[in-house]
Structure formats: C-alpha cells, structure tokens
N, C-alpha and C. Protein backbone atom coordinates (compact mmCIF):
# COMPACT_ATOMS: atom_id res chain seq x y z
N MET A 1 60.45 -87.12 -16.19
CA MET A 1 59.25 -87.10 -15.37
C MET A 1 58.08 -86.70 -16.26
N THR A 2 56.98 -87.41 -16.11
CA THR A 2 55.82 -87.11 -16.96
C THR A 2 55.15 -85.84 -16.46
N ARG A 3 54.27 -85.31 -17.32
CA ARG A 3 53.55 -84.07 -16.97
C ARG A 3 52.66 -84.28 -15.74
N GLU A 4 51.95 -85.44 -15.66
CA GLU A 4 51.09 -85.70 -14.51
C GLU A 4 51.91 -85.76 -13.23
N ALA A 5 53.08 -86.40 -13.30
CA ALA A 5 53.93 -86.51 -12.12
C ALA A 5 54.43 -85.14 -11.70
N GLN A 6 54.80 -84.28 -12.69
CA GLN A 6 55.25 -82.94 -12.36
C GLN A 6 54.13 -82.15 -11.69
N ARG A 7 52.92 -82.27 -12.22
CA ARG A 7 51.80 -81.53 -11.66
C ARG A 7 51.53 -81.97 -10.23
N VAL A 8 51.47 -83.29 -9.98
CA VAL A 8 51.23 -83.78 -8.64
C VAL A 8 52.38 -83.42 -7.73
N GLY A 9 53.61 -83.55 -8.24
CA GLY A 9 54.77 -83.21 -7.43
C GLY A 9 54.76 -81.73 -7.07
N GLY A 10 54.40 -80.89 -8.03
CA GLY A 10 54.34 -79.46 -7.75
C GLY A 10 53.24 -79.14 -6.76
N ALA A 11 52.11 -79.86 -6.86
CA ALA A 11 50.99 -79.57 -5.97
C ALA A 11 51.31 -80.00 -4.56
N THR A 12 51.87 -81.20 -4.40
CA THR A 12 52.12 -81.68 -3.05
C THR A 12 53.34 -81.02 -2.45
N GLY A 13 54.21 -80.57 -3.29
CA GLY A 13 55.41 -79.96 -2.76
C GLY A 13 55.29 -78.46 -2.58
N SER A 14 54.20 -77.84 -3.05
CA SER A 14 54.06 -76.38 -2.97
C SER A 14 53.78 -75.96 -1.54
N ARG A 15 54.35 -74.85 -1.12
CA ARG A 15 54.14 -74.32 0.22
C ARG A 15 53.34 -73.02 0.18
N LYS A 16 53.04 -72.49 -1.04
CA LYS A 16 52.29 -71.24 -1.14
C LYS A 16 50.89 -71.39 -0.57
N LEU A 17 50.23 -72.49 -0.85
CA LEU A 17 48.86 -72.70 -0.43
C LEU A 17 48.77 -73.64 0.76
N GLY A 18 49.82 -73.85 1.46
CA GLY A 18 49.76 -74.71 2.64
C GLY A 18 50.13 -76.15 2.34
N GLY A 19 50.40 -76.47 1.09
CA GLY A 19 50.84 -77.81 0.73
C GLY A 19 49.74 -78.84 0.86
N GLY A 20 50.02 -80.05 0.51
CA GLY A 20 49.12 -81.16 0.71
C GLY A 20 47.85 -81.07 -0.11
N SER A 21 46.74 -81.46 0.53
CA SER A 21 45.47 -81.58 -0.16
C SER A 21 44.92 -80.24 -0.63
N LEU A 22 45.19 -79.13 0.09
CA LEU A 22 44.70 -77.81 -0.32
C LEU A 22 45.34 -77.40 -1.65
N ALA A 23 46.60 -77.62 -1.80
CA ALA A 23 47.27 -77.28 -3.06
C ALA A 23 46.77 -78.18 -4.19
N LEU A 24 46.53 -79.45 -3.88
CA LEU A 24 46.01 -80.37 -4.89
C LEU A 24 44.60 -79.92 -5.33
N ALA A 25 43.77 -79.52 -4.37
CA ALA A 25 42.42 -79.04 -4.71
C ALA A 25 42.51 -77.80 -5.57
N TRP A 26 43.43 -76.89 -5.25
CA TRP A 26 43.59 -75.68 -6.05
C TRP A 26 43.99 -76.02 -7.48
N ASP A 27 44.92 -76.95 -7.63
CA ASP A 27 45.34 -77.35 -8.98
C ASP A 27 44.19 -78.00 -9.75
N LEU A 28 43.38 -78.81 -9.08
CA LEU A 28 42.26 -79.44 -9.75
C LEU A 28 41.21 -78.40 -10.17
N ALA A 29 40.91 -77.44 -9.27
CA ALA A 29 39.92 -76.40 -9.59
C ALA A 29 40.43 -75.49 -10.70
N ARG A 30 41.74 -75.19 -10.69
CA ARG A 30 42.31 -74.32 -11.71
C ARG A 30 42.19 -74.94 -13.10
N GLY A 31 42.22 -76.24 -13.15
CA GLY A 31 42.12 -76.92 -14.44
C GLY A 31 40.68 -77.10 -14.91
N ARG A 32 39.69 -76.81 -14.04
CA ARG A 32 38.29 -77.03 -14.40
C ARG A 32 37.44 -75.81 -14.05
N TRP A 33 37.79 -74.64 -14.51
CA TRP A 33 37.04 -73.41 -14.21
C TRP A 33 35.60 -73.49 -14.71
N GLY A 34 35.43 -74.03 -15.88
CA GLY A 34 34.08 -74.13 -16.45
C GLY A 34 33.16 -74.98 -15.58
N SER A 35 33.66 -76.11 -15.11
CA SER A 35 32.85 -76.99 -14.26
C SER A 35 32.53 -76.30 -12.93
N LEU A 36 33.51 -75.60 -12.36
CA LEU A 36 33.30 -74.91 -11.08
C LEU A 36 32.24 -73.81 -11.21
N ILE A 37 32.35 -73.01 -12.26
CA ILE A 37 31.36 -71.94 -12.46
C ILE A 37 29.98 -72.52 -12.74
N GLY A 38 29.91 -73.59 -13.54
CA GLY A 38 28.63 -74.23 -13.82
C GLY A 38 27.97 -74.78 -12.56
N THR A 39 28.78 -75.38 -11.68
CA THR A 39 28.25 -75.91 -10.42
C THR A 39 27.71 -74.79 -9.55
N LEU A 40 28.46 -73.67 -9.44
CA LEU A 40 28.00 -72.54 -8.63
C LEU A 40 26.72 -71.93 -9.20
N LEU A 41 26.62 -71.82 -10.52
CA LEU A 41 25.40 -71.30 -11.14
C LEU A 41 24.21 -72.23 -10.88
N ALA A 42 24.44 -73.54 -10.98
CA ALA A 42 23.37 -74.49 -10.73
C ALA A 42 22.89 -74.42 -9.28
N LEU A 43 23.82 -74.27 -8.34
CA LEU A 43 23.45 -74.13 -6.93
C LEU A 43 22.67 -72.85 -6.69
N GLY A 44 23.11 -71.74 -7.29
CA GLY A 44 22.39 -70.47 -7.15
C GLY A 44 20.99 -70.54 -7.73
N LEU A 45 20.85 -71.18 -8.89
CA LEU A 45 19.54 -71.34 -9.50
C LEU A 45 18.63 -72.21 -8.64
N ALA A 46 19.18 -73.28 -8.06
CA ALA A 46 18.39 -74.16 -7.19
C ALA A 46 17.91 -73.41 -5.95
N VAL A 47 18.78 -72.59 -5.35
CA VAL A 47 18.37 -71.80 -4.18
C VAL A 47 17.28 -70.81 -4.57
N GLY A 48 17.40 -70.17 -5.72
CA GLY A 48 16.39 -69.23 -6.19
C GLY A 48 15.04 -69.91 -6.43
N ILE A 49 15.06 -71.08 -7.06
CA ILE A 49 13.81 -71.81 -7.33
C ILE A 49 13.15 -72.23 -6.02
N LEU A 50 13.93 -72.74 -5.07
CA LEU A 50 13.37 -73.14 -3.79
C LEU A 50 12.80 -71.94 -3.03
N SER A 51 13.48 -70.81 -3.09
CA SER A 51 12.98 -69.61 -2.42
C SER A 51 11.67 -69.14 -3.03
N MET A 52 11.58 -69.10 -4.35
CA MET A 52 10.35 -68.67 -5.02
C MET A 52 9.21 -69.66 -4.76
N THR A 53 9.51 -70.95 -4.72
CA THR A 53 8.49 -71.94 -4.41
C THR A 53 7.93 -71.72 -3.02
N GLY A 54 8.82 -71.43 -2.06
CA GLY A 54 8.38 -71.15 -0.69
C GLY A 54 7.52 -69.91 -0.62
N LEU A 55 7.89 -68.85 -1.37
CA LEU A 55 7.09 -67.63 -1.38
C LEU A 55 5.70 -67.86 -1.99
N VAL A 56 5.65 -68.61 -3.09
CA VAL A 56 4.36 -68.90 -3.73
C VAL A 56 3.49 -69.72 -2.79
N PHE A 57 4.08 -70.70 -2.12
CA PHE A 57 3.32 -71.54 -1.19
C PHE A 57 2.78 -70.69 -0.04
N ALA A 58 3.61 -69.81 0.53
CA ALA A 58 3.18 -68.98 1.65
C ALA A 58 2.08 -68.01 1.24
N SER A 59 2.19 -67.44 0.03
CA SER A 59 1.18 -66.46 -0.40
C SER A 59 -0.11 -67.12 -0.87
N ALA A 60 -0.08 -68.42 -1.15
CA ALA A 60 -1.27 -69.12 -1.62
C ALA A 60 -2.16 -69.59 -0.47
N GLN A 61 -1.72 -69.42 0.76
CA GLN A 61 -2.54 -69.84 1.90
C GLN A 61 -3.78 -68.96 1.99
N PRO A 62 -4.93 -69.55 2.28
CA PRO A 62 -6.16 -68.74 2.36
C PRO A 62 -6.07 -67.73 3.49
N GLN A 63 -6.57 -66.54 3.23
CA GLN A 63 -6.57 -65.47 4.22
C GLN A 63 -7.94 -64.82 4.26
N VAL A 64 -8.33 -64.43 5.45
CA VAL A 64 -9.60 -63.73 5.63
C VAL A 64 -9.39 -62.30 5.17
N PRO A 65 -10.30 -61.74 4.35
CA PRO A 65 -10.16 -60.34 3.95
C PRO A 65 -10.09 -59.42 5.17
N GLY A 66 -9.32 -58.35 5.06
CA GLY A 66 -9.09 -57.44 6.17
C GLY A 66 -10.35 -56.87 6.78
N ARG A 67 -11.38 -56.68 5.97
CA ARG A 67 -12.60 -56.07 6.51
C ARG A 67 -13.42 -57.04 7.36
N TYR A 68 -12.98 -58.32 7.43
CA TYR A 68 -13.64 -59.28 8.32
C TYR A 68 -12.71 -59.73 9.44
N ALA A 69 -11.69 -58.94 9.73
CA ALA A 69 -10.65 -59.35 10.68
C ALA A 69 -11.18 -59.58 12.09
N ARG A 70 -12.24 -58.89 12.49
CA ARG A 70 -12.77 -59.05 13.84
C ARG A 70 -13.86 -60.11 13.94
N ALA A 71 -14.21 -60.73 12.85
CA ALA A 71 -15.26 -61.75 12.87
C ALA A 71 -14.66 -63.10 13.21
N ALA A 72 -15.22 -63.78 14.20
CA ALA A 72 -14.73 -65.10 14.58
C ALA A 72 -15.24 -66.17 13.62
N VAL A 73 -16.47 -66.00 13.13
CA VAL A 73 -17.09 -66.97 12.22
C VAL A 73 -17.77 -66.20 11.09
N LEU A 74 -17.65 -66.69 9.87
CA LEU A 74 -18.31 -66.08 8.72
C LEU A 74 -19.28 -67.10 8.12
N VAL A 75 -20.48 -66.66 7.80
CA VAL A 75 -21.48 -67.51 7.15
C VAL A 75 -21.77 -66.90 5.79
N LYS A 76 -21.64 -67.71 4.73
CA LYS A 76 -21.79 -67.20 3.37
C LYS A 76 -22.94 -67.91 2.67
N ALA A 77 -23.60 -67.17 1.80
CA ALA A 77 -24.67 -67.78 1.00
C ALA A 77 -24.08 -68.90 0.14
N PRO A 78 -24.85 -69.96 -0.10
CA PRO A 78 -24.34 -71.05 -0.94
C PRO A 78 -23.96 -70.53 -2.33
N SER A 79 -22.95 -71.13 -2.88
CA SER A 79 -22.47 -70.70 -4.20
C SER A 79 -23.47 -71.14 -5.28
N THR A 80 -24.02 -70.17 -5.98
CA THR A 80 -24.95 -70.46 -7.07
C THR A 80 -24.44 -69.91 -8.39
N GLY A 81 -23.39 -69.11 -8.30
CA GLY A 81 -22.84 -68.51 -9.51
C GLY A 81 -22.06 -69.55 -10.29
N GLY A 82 -21.35 -69.11 -11.25
CA GLY A 82 -20.56 -70.01 -12.05
C GLY A 82 -20.28 -69.41 -13.41
N GLU A 83 -19.80 -70.26 -14.29
CA GLU A 83 -19.40 -69.81 -15.62
C GLU A 83 -20.31 -70.46 -16.65
N VAL A 84 -20.88 -69.62 -17.50
CA VAL A 84 -21.71 -70.11 -18.60
C VAL A 84 -21.28 -69.37 -19.86
N ASN A 85 -20.85 -70.12 -20.86
CA ASN A 85 -20.40 -69.55 -22.14
C ASN A 85 -19.34 -68.48 -21.96
N GLY A 86 -18.43 -68.71 -21.02
CA GLY A 86 -17.32 -67.77 -20.82
C GLY A 86 -17.66 -66.57 -19.96
N LEU A 87 -18.90 -66.45 -19.47
CA LEU A 87 -19.30 -65.35 -18.61
C LEU A 87 -19.46 -65.87 -17.19
N PHE A 88 -18.96 -65.10 -16.23
CA PHE A 88 -19.07 -65.50 -14.83
C PHE A 88 -20.23 -64.75 -14.19
N TYR A 89 -21.05 -65.49 -13.48
CA TYR A 89 -22.21 -64.91 -12.81
C TYR A 89 -21.98 -64.94 -11.31
N PRO A 90 -22.31 -63.85 -10.61
CA PRO A 90 -22.09 -63.83 -9.16
C PRO A 90 -23.08 -64.70 -8.42
N ASP A 91 -22.72 -65.00 -7.17
CA ASP A 91 -23.63 -65.76 -6.33
C ASP A 91 -24.86 -64.93 -6.03
N LYS A 92 -26.00 -65.59 -5.89
CA LYS A 92 -27.25 -64.91 -5.56
C LYS A 92 -27.29 -64.67 -4.05
N PRO A 93 -27.44 -63.42 -3.62
CA PRO A 93 -27.45 -63.15 -2.17
C PRO A 93 -28.76 -63.60 -1.55
N TRP A 94 -28.73 -63.75 -0.22
CA TRP A 94 -29.95 -64.07 0.50
C TRP A 94 -30.90 -62.87 0.47
N SER A 95 -32.17 -63.15 0.54
CA SER A 95 -33.16 -62.08 0.61
C SER A 95 -33.09 -61.42 1.99
N PRO A 96 -33.61 -60.18 2.14
CA PRO A 96 -33.60 -59.55 3.46
C PRO A 96 -34.31 -60.38 4.52
N GLU A 97 -35.38 -61.09 4.15
CA GLU A 97 -36.09 -61.93 5.11
C GLU A 97 -35.21 -63.09 5.57
N GLN A 98 -34.49 -63.72 4.61
CA GLN A 98 -33.59 -64.81 4.96
C GLN A 98 -32.47 -64.33 5.86
N VAL A 99 -31.92 -63.14 5.56
CA VAL A 99 -30.84 -62.58 6.38
C VAL A 99 -31.32 -62.32 7.79
N ARG A 100 -32.50 -61.72 7.92
CA ARG A 100 -33.05 -61.41 9.24
C ARG A 100 -33.28 -62.69 10.04
N SER A 101 -33.89 -63.70 9.40
CA SER A 101 -34.17 -64.97 10.08
C SER A 101 -32.88 -65.67 10.51
N LEU A 102 -31.89 -65.72 9.61
CA LEU A 102 -30.63 -66.37 9.92
C LEU A 102 -29.89 -65.63 11.02
N SER A 103 -29.90 -64.29 10.98
CA SER A 103 -29.23 -63.50 12.02
C SER A 103 -29.85 -63.76 13.39
N GLU A 104 -31.18 -63.85 13.44
CA GLU A 104 -31.86 -64.12 14.71
C GLU A 104 -31.51 -65.50 15.24
N ARG A 105 -31.50 -66.51 14.35
CA ARG A 105 -31.17 -67.87 14.78
C ARG A 105 -29.72 -67.96 15.26
N LEU A 106 -28.79 -67.33 14.52
CA LEU A 106 -27.39 -67.36 14.93
C LEU A 106 -27.17 -66.60 16.23
N GLY A 107 -27.89 -65.50 16.41
CA GLY A 107 -27.75 -64.70 17.63
C GLY A 107 -28.22 -65.44 18.88
N ARG A 108 -29.09 -66.44 18.72
CA ARG A 108 -29.58 -67.21 19.87
C ARG A 108 -28.65 -68.34 20.27
N ILE A 109 -27.62 -68.62 19.49
CA ILE A 109 -26.68 -69.70 19.82
C ILE A 109 -25.84 -69.26 21.02
N PRO A 110 -25.73 -70.12 22.05
CA PRO A 110 -24.91 -69.74 23.21
C PRO A 110 -23.46 -69.44 22.81
N GLY A 111 -22.95 -68.35 23.34
CA GLY A 111 -21.57 -67.96 23.06
C GLY A 111 -21.43 -66.96 21.92
N VAL A 112 -22.50 -66.74 21.16
CA VAL A 112 -22.46 -65.79 20.05
C VAL A 112 -22.75 -64.40 20.60
N ALA A 113 -21.79 -63.48 20.47
CA ALA A 113 -21.96 -62.12 20.97
C ALA A 113 -22.92 -61.33 20.10
N ALA A 114 -22.79 -61.47 18.78
CA ALA A 114 -23.67 -60.75 17.85
C ALA A 114 -23.59 -61.42 16.49
N ALA A 115 -24.71 -61.42 15.79
CA ALA A 115 -24.76 -61.91 14.40
C ALA A 115 -25.00 -60.68 13.54
N VAL A 116 -23.98 -60.28 12.77
CA VAL A 116 -24.03 -59.03 12.01
C VAL A 116 -24.15 -59.33 10.53
N PRO A 117 -25.28 -58.98 9.90
CA PRO A 117 -25.38 -59.17 8.45
C PRO A 117 -24.51 -58.17 7.72
N ASP A 118 -23.95 -58.59 6.62
CA ASP A 118 -23.05 -57.73 5.85
C ASP A 118 -23.55 -57.67 4.41
N ARG A 119 -24.14 -56.56 4.05
CA ARG A 119 -24.62 -56.34 2.68
C ARG A 119 -23.72 -55.34 2.00
N THR A 120 -23.34 -55.62 0.79
CA THR A 120 -22.55 -54.67 0.01
C THR A 120 -23.41 -54.12 -1.12
N PHE A 121 -23.10 -52.91 -1.53
CA PHE A 121 -23.85 -52.28 -2.62
C PHE A 121 -22.93 -51.28 -3.31
N TYR A 122 -23.31 -50.90 -4.52
CA TYR A 122 -22.50 -49.95 -5.29
C TYR A 122 -22.63 -48.56 -4.67
N ALA A 123 -21.49 -47.96 -4.36
CA ALA A 123 -21.45 -46.60 -3.82
C ALA A 123 -20.07 -46.02 -4.13
N GLN A 124 -20.04 -44.94 -4.93
CA GLN A 124 -18.78 -44.33 -5.33
C GLN A 124 -18.88 -42.82 -5.12
N ALA A 125 -18.04 -42.31 -4.24
CA ALA A 125 -18.07 -40.88 -3.92
C ALA A 125 -17.56 -40.04 -5.09
N ILE A 126 -18.10 -38.84 -5.20
CA ILE A 126 -17.64 -37.88 -6.21
C ILE A 126 -16.96 -36.73 -5.46
N ILE A 127 -15.69 -36.52 -5.75
CA ILE A 127 -14.92 -35.44 -5.14
C ILE A 127 -14.36 -34.57 -6.26
N GLY A 128 -14.63 -33.28 -6.18
CA GLY A 128 -14.13 -32.37 -7.23
C GLY A 128 -14.73 -32.64 -8.58
N GLY A 129 -15.95 -33.15 -8.63
CA GLY A 129 -16.63 -33.41 -9.90
C GLY A 129 -16.25 -34.72 -10.55
N LYS A 130 -15.36 -35.53 -9.91
CA LYS A 130 -14.93 -36.79 -10.52
C LYS A 130 -15.15 -37.94 -9.54
N PRO A 131 -15.58 -39.09 -10.04
CA PRO A 131 -15.72 -40.26 -9.17
C PRO A 131 -14.36 -40.67 -8.61
N VAL A 132 -14.33 -41.02 -7.35
CA VAL A 132 -13.09 -41.44 -6.69
C VAL A 132 -12.77 -42.87 -7.13
N ALA A 133 -11.55 -43.05 -7.63
CA ALA A 133 -11.13 -44.39 -8.07
C ALA A 133 -10.90 -45.28 -6.85
N GLY A 134 -10.97 -46.57 -7.07
CA GLY A 134 -10.72 -47.51 -5.98
C GLY A 134 -11.97 -48.29 -5.63
N ASP A 135 -12.10 -48.61 -4.36
CA ASP A 135 -13.22 -49.42 -3.89
C ASP A 135 -14.53 -48.67 -4.09
N ALA A 136 -15.42 -49.22 -4.90
CA ALA A 136 -16.71 -48.58 -5.18
C ALA A 136 -17.84 -49.35 -4.52
N GLN A 137 -17.57 -49.88 -3.33
CA GLN A 137 -18.59 -50.62 -2.61
C GLN A 137 -18.92 -49.92 -1.31
N GLY A 138 -20.21 -49.95 -0.97
CA GLY A 138 -20.66 -49.42 0.31
C GLY A 138 -21.10 -50.56 1.19
N TYR A 139 -21.11 -50.31 2.49
CA TYR A 139 -21.50 -51.32 3.47
C TYR A 139 -22.43 -50.67 4.48
N LEU A 140 -23.34 -51.45 5.03
CA LEU A 140 -24.20 -50.95 6.08
C LEU A 140 -23.36 -50.68 7.34
N TRP A 141 -23.74 -49.68 8.12
CA TRP A 141 -22.93 -49.30 9.27
C TRP A 141 -22.70 -50.43 10.26
N PRO A 142 -23.67 -51.29 10.59
CA PRO A 142 -23.40 -52.36 11.56
C PRO A 142 -22.25 -53.27 11.17
N SER A 143 -21.99 -53.44 9.86
CA SER A 143 -20.90 -54.33 9.44
C SER A 143 -19.52 -53.73 9.72
N ALA A 144 -19.45 -52.46 10.13
CA ALA A 144 -18.16 -51.87 10.50
C ALA A 144 -17.59 -52.56 11.73
N ALA A 145 -18.45 -53.22 12.53
CA ALA A 145 -17.98 -53.95 13.71
C ALA A 145 -17.12 -55.15 13.32
N LEU A 146 -17.23 -55.63 12.08
CA LEU A 146 -16.47 -56.78 11.62
C LEU A 146 -15.05 -56.42 11.20
N ALA A 147 -14.83 -55.14 10.90
CA ALA A 147 -13.56 -54.71 10.33
C ALA A 147 -12.69 -54.01 11.38
N PRO A 148 -11.39 -53.97 11.13
CA PRO A 148 -10.50 -53.28 12.07
C PRO A 148 -10.50 -51.77 11.84
N TYR A 149 -11.67 -51.16 11.85
CA TYR A 149 -11.79 -49.73 11.65
C TYR A 149 -12.41 -49.09 12.88
N ARG A 150 -12.16 -47.81 13.04
CA ARG A 150 -12.78 -47.05 14.13
C ARG A 150 -13.11 -45.68 13.60
N LEU A 151 -14.03 -45.02 14.26
CA LEU A 151 -14.35 -43.64 13.87
C LEU A 151 -13.16 -42.75 14.17
N ALA A 152 -12.71 -42.02 13.17
CA ALA A 152 -11.61 -41.08 13.36
C ALA A 152 -12.15 -39.73 13.80
N ALA A 153 -13.35 -39.39 13.33
CA ALA A 153 -13.99 -38.13 13.70
C ALA A 153 -15.48 -38.28 13.49
N GLY A 154 -16.25 -37.49 14.23
CA GLY A 154 -17.70 -37.50 14.06
C GLY A 154 -18.37 -38.62 14.80
N ARG A 155 -19.48 -39.09 14.24
CA ARG A 155 -20.32 -40.09 14.89
C ARG A 155 -20.88 -41.04 13.84
N PRO A 156 -21.48 -42.16 14.29
CA PRO A 156 -22.10 -43.08 13.32
C PRO A 156 -23.30 -42.41 12.67
N PRO A 157 -23.72 -42.90 11.49
CA PRO A 157 -24.89 -42.32 10.83
C PRO A 157 -26.15 -42.57 11.66
N ALA A 158 -27.01 -41.54 11.75
CA ALA A 158 -28.24 -41.65 12.55
C ALA A 158 -29.47 -41.81 11.68
N GLY A 159 -29.35 -41.66 10.38
CA GLY A 159 -30.51 -41.76 9.50
C GLY A 159 -30.09 -42.08 8.09
N PRO A 160 -31.08 -42.24 7.20
CA PRO A 160 -30.77 -42.63 5.82
C PRO A 160 -30.03 -41.56 5.02
N GLY A 161 -30.03 -40.31 5.44
CA GLY A 161 -29.35 -39.26 4.69
C GLY A 161 -27.93 -39.00 5.13
N GLU A 162 -27.37 -39.89 5.99
CA GLU A 162 -26.02 -39.70 6.51
C GLU A 162 -25.14 -40.88 6.15
N VAL A 163 -23.86 -40.58 5.98
CA VAL A 163 -22.88 -41.62 5.68
C VAL A 163 -21.60 -41.38 6.48
N VAL A 164 -20.86 -42.44 6.66
CA VAL A 164 -19.50 -42.37 7.19
C VAL A 164 -18.59 -42.71 6.02
N VAL A 165 -17.57 -41.87 5.81
CA VAL A 165 -16.66 -42.07 4.68
C VAL A 165 -15.24 -42.27 5.20
N SER A 166 -14.39 -42.76 4.33
CA SER A 166 -12.98 -42.91 4.66
C SER A 166 -12.35 -41.54 4.85
N ARG A 167 -11.50 -41.45 5.87
CA ARG A 167 -10.86 -40.15 6.09
C ARG A 167 -9.89 -39.81 4.96
N ALA A 168 -9.53 -40.82 4.14
CA ALA A 168 -8.65 -40.57 2.99
C ALA A 168 -9.31 -39.65 1.97
N LEU A 169 -10.65 -39.53 2.00
CA LEU A 169 -11.33 -38.64 1.05
C LEU A 169 -11.16 -37.17 1.42
N GLY A 170 -10.74 -36.89 2.65
CA GLY A 170 -10.51 -35.51 3.06
C GLY A 170 -11.77 -34.73 3.38
N LEU A 171 -12.86 -35.41 3.67
CA LEU A 171 -14.12 -34.75 4.00
C LEU A 171 -14.30 -34.74 5.52
N ALA A 172 -14.66 -33.58 6.06
CA ALA A 172 -14.89 -33.46 7.49
C ALA A 172 -16.36 -33.73 7.80
N PRO A 173 -16.68 -34.18 9.02
CA PRO A 173 -18.08 -34.36 9.40
C PRO A 173 -18.86 -33.06 9.23
N GLY A 174 -20.09 -33.19 8.71
CA GLY A 174 -20.93 -32.03 8.44
C GLY A 174 -20.93 -31.61 6.99
N ARG A 175 -19.94 -32.05 6.21
CA ARG A 175 -19.87 -31.72 4.79
C ARG A 175 -20.86 -32.56 4.00
N GLN A 176 -21.21 -32.10 2.83
CA GLN A 176 -22.07 -32.84 1.91
C GLN A 176 -21.20 -33.58 0.90
N VAL A 177 -21.62 -34.74 0.49
CA VAL A 177 -20.89 -35.51 -0.52
C VAL A 177 -21.92 -36.15 -1.45
N THR A 178 -21.60 -36.14 -2.74
CA THR A 178 -22.44 -36.81 -3.72
C THR A 178 -21.89 -38.22 -3.92
N VAL A 179 -22.79 -39.19 -3.89
CA VAL A 179 -22.40 -40.59 -4.04
C VAL A 179 -23.17 -41.19 -5.21
N LEU A 180 -22.44 -41.84 -6.10
CA LEU A 180 -23.08 -42.58 -7.19
C LEU A 180 -23.57 -43.91 -6.63
N THR A 181 -24.84 -44.21 -6.86
CA THR A 181 -25.44 -45.47 -6.39
C THR A 181 -26.11 -46.15 -7.57
N ALA A 182 -26.63 -47.35 -7.34
CA ALA A 182 -27.33 -48.07 -8.40
C ALA A 182 -28.57 -47.31 -8.85
N ALA A 183 -29.15 -46.48 -7.97
CA ALA A 183 -30.34 -45.70 -8.31
C ALA A 183 -29.98 -44.34 -8.89
N GLY A 184 -28.70 -44.03 -8.99
CA GLY A 184 -28.26 -42.73 -9.52
C GLY A 184 -27.54 -41.92 -8.45
N PRO A 185 -27.08 -40.69 -8.79
CA PRO A 185 -26.38 -39.88 -7.80
C PRO A 185 -27.31 -39.44 -6.67
N ALA A 186 -26.75 -39.39 -5.46
CA ALA A 186 -27.51 -38.95 -4.29
C ALA A 186 -26.59 -38.14 -3.39
N SER A 187 -27.17 -37.15 -2.72
CA SER A 187 -26.40 -36.29 -1.82
C SER A 187 -26.58 -36.77 -0.39
N TYR A 188 -25.47 -36.86 0.34
CA TYR A 188 -25.49 -37.32 1.73
C TYR A 188 -24.70 -36.34 2.59
N SER A 189 -25.03 -36.33 3.87
CA SER A 189 -24.27 -35.56 4.84
C SER A 189 -23.27 -36.50 5.51
N VAL A 190 -22.02 -36.06 5.61
CA VAL A 190 -20.98 -36.87 6.24
C VAL A 190 -21.14 -36.75 7.75
N SER A 191 -21.49 -37.85 8.41
CA SER A 191 -21.64 -37.82 9.86
C SER A 191 -20.34 -38.15 10.57
N GLY A 192 -19.45 -38.85 9.89
CA GLY A 192 -18.19 -39.20 10.50
C GLY A 192 -17.21 -39.73 9.46
N THR A 193 -15.98 -39.83 9.89
CA THR A 193 -14.94 -40.40 9.03
C THR A 193 -14.35 -41.61 9.74
N ILE A 194 -13.91 -42.54 8.95
CA ILE A 194 -13.41 -43.79 9.48
C ILE A 194 -12.01 -44.05 8.93
N GLY A 195 -11.21 -44.70 9.72
CA GLY A 195 -9.85 -45.01 9.28
C GLY A 195 -9.38 -46.28 9.95
N PRO A 196 -8.31 -46.90 9.42
CA PRO A 196 -7.80 -48.12 10.03
C PRO A 196 -7.23 -47.84 11.40
N THR A 197 -7.31 -48.84 12.29
CA THR A 197 -6.76 -48.70 13.63
C THR A 197 -5.28 -48.91 13.62
C-alpha cells in the first residue's frame, strides 16, 4: 500500500475525530501548519486594517466645536487667510460695525431667536504667580449662550471690571484675578464661575 493510500485509509477509517471528512480535514491541516497560521494572520491583519479604516473615517467627520453646541446656525467671516512663504496668516475678522450690522439683519429674519456675535481675544489668568496653561482665549459674555455652559456660582459680569471664569481655576465669586491681555496684565473681579452642564 502506498503512503498516500495509507494516509487516506487512516483518515477515513479513524474514529478518534469522528471519521470521514473531519478526520481528513484534520490530516490535511496537520500537514500544512504554516499555511494555516499564515491564513489566520492574514485574516487578523485584514480585520485590524478594516477596523482602523472605520475609526479614521468616523473621526474625520466634521464636528461643531463644543462651545457652539447650542447654536443652530453659524456665520463665519470669509476666509482671507492663507499660506505665504510657509507662514500661515489668520482670517481677518469683521469690524465691530460690520458685526453690529450683520447681527441686526440676522436678528430680523423670521424664526431667528437671537443673533449672538462671538469675538475671541487673548486672555490668560494668572494663579499663584504663574499663567494658567491651556485655553488662553477670552469670550464676550453674550457668546456663553452658544455653549453648553451654565453659571455654577455667582452672576454674569455687570461691567468692564468683572469676569466670569472657569470653576476649574478654583476662584470664588468676589475674588480678584490678574489676567494677561493683549494690552498687558489687568486685575478683574470674579463675578461668577462657569462650568459644563
């Protein structure tokens, strides 16, 4: 009896693995371990690549920044910035007159509850003699209506010498805080603290 005949005879006649095709499959797999492992690795790699592709696709979808979560519509100044000689220039903001005019026109559109201008400016709090790391931007109080924030303590600012700060800074209403601005350091009274809802 030839070797192939013995192998097939042993496979079909074996009762350990249930006989028949299951024993034959076991004999075939036992003779090709390298191919079996290579196939399993290729399948695992394919699943990993497809999963990562799905994650990249899902994370690449455009999302509205969290601080505009309550805004139904956003209007942005036309893009005028760009890249020149490897340097990127920011977009030129609208003038205060343009913002006021546009806000009034948008506010008159039927169905518009409010048109809230959003101006950002450099503002970095100093705590314990050191500037606080992180977001160094300030916003006018009316733009807080666009974000999912609420007053955690205190009240909104009533004048130019008052600010509302993040409760993460650990400042209570009534305390003084020094803020670095484009015009230099300035002292403000904390009228309230704000935190995420």
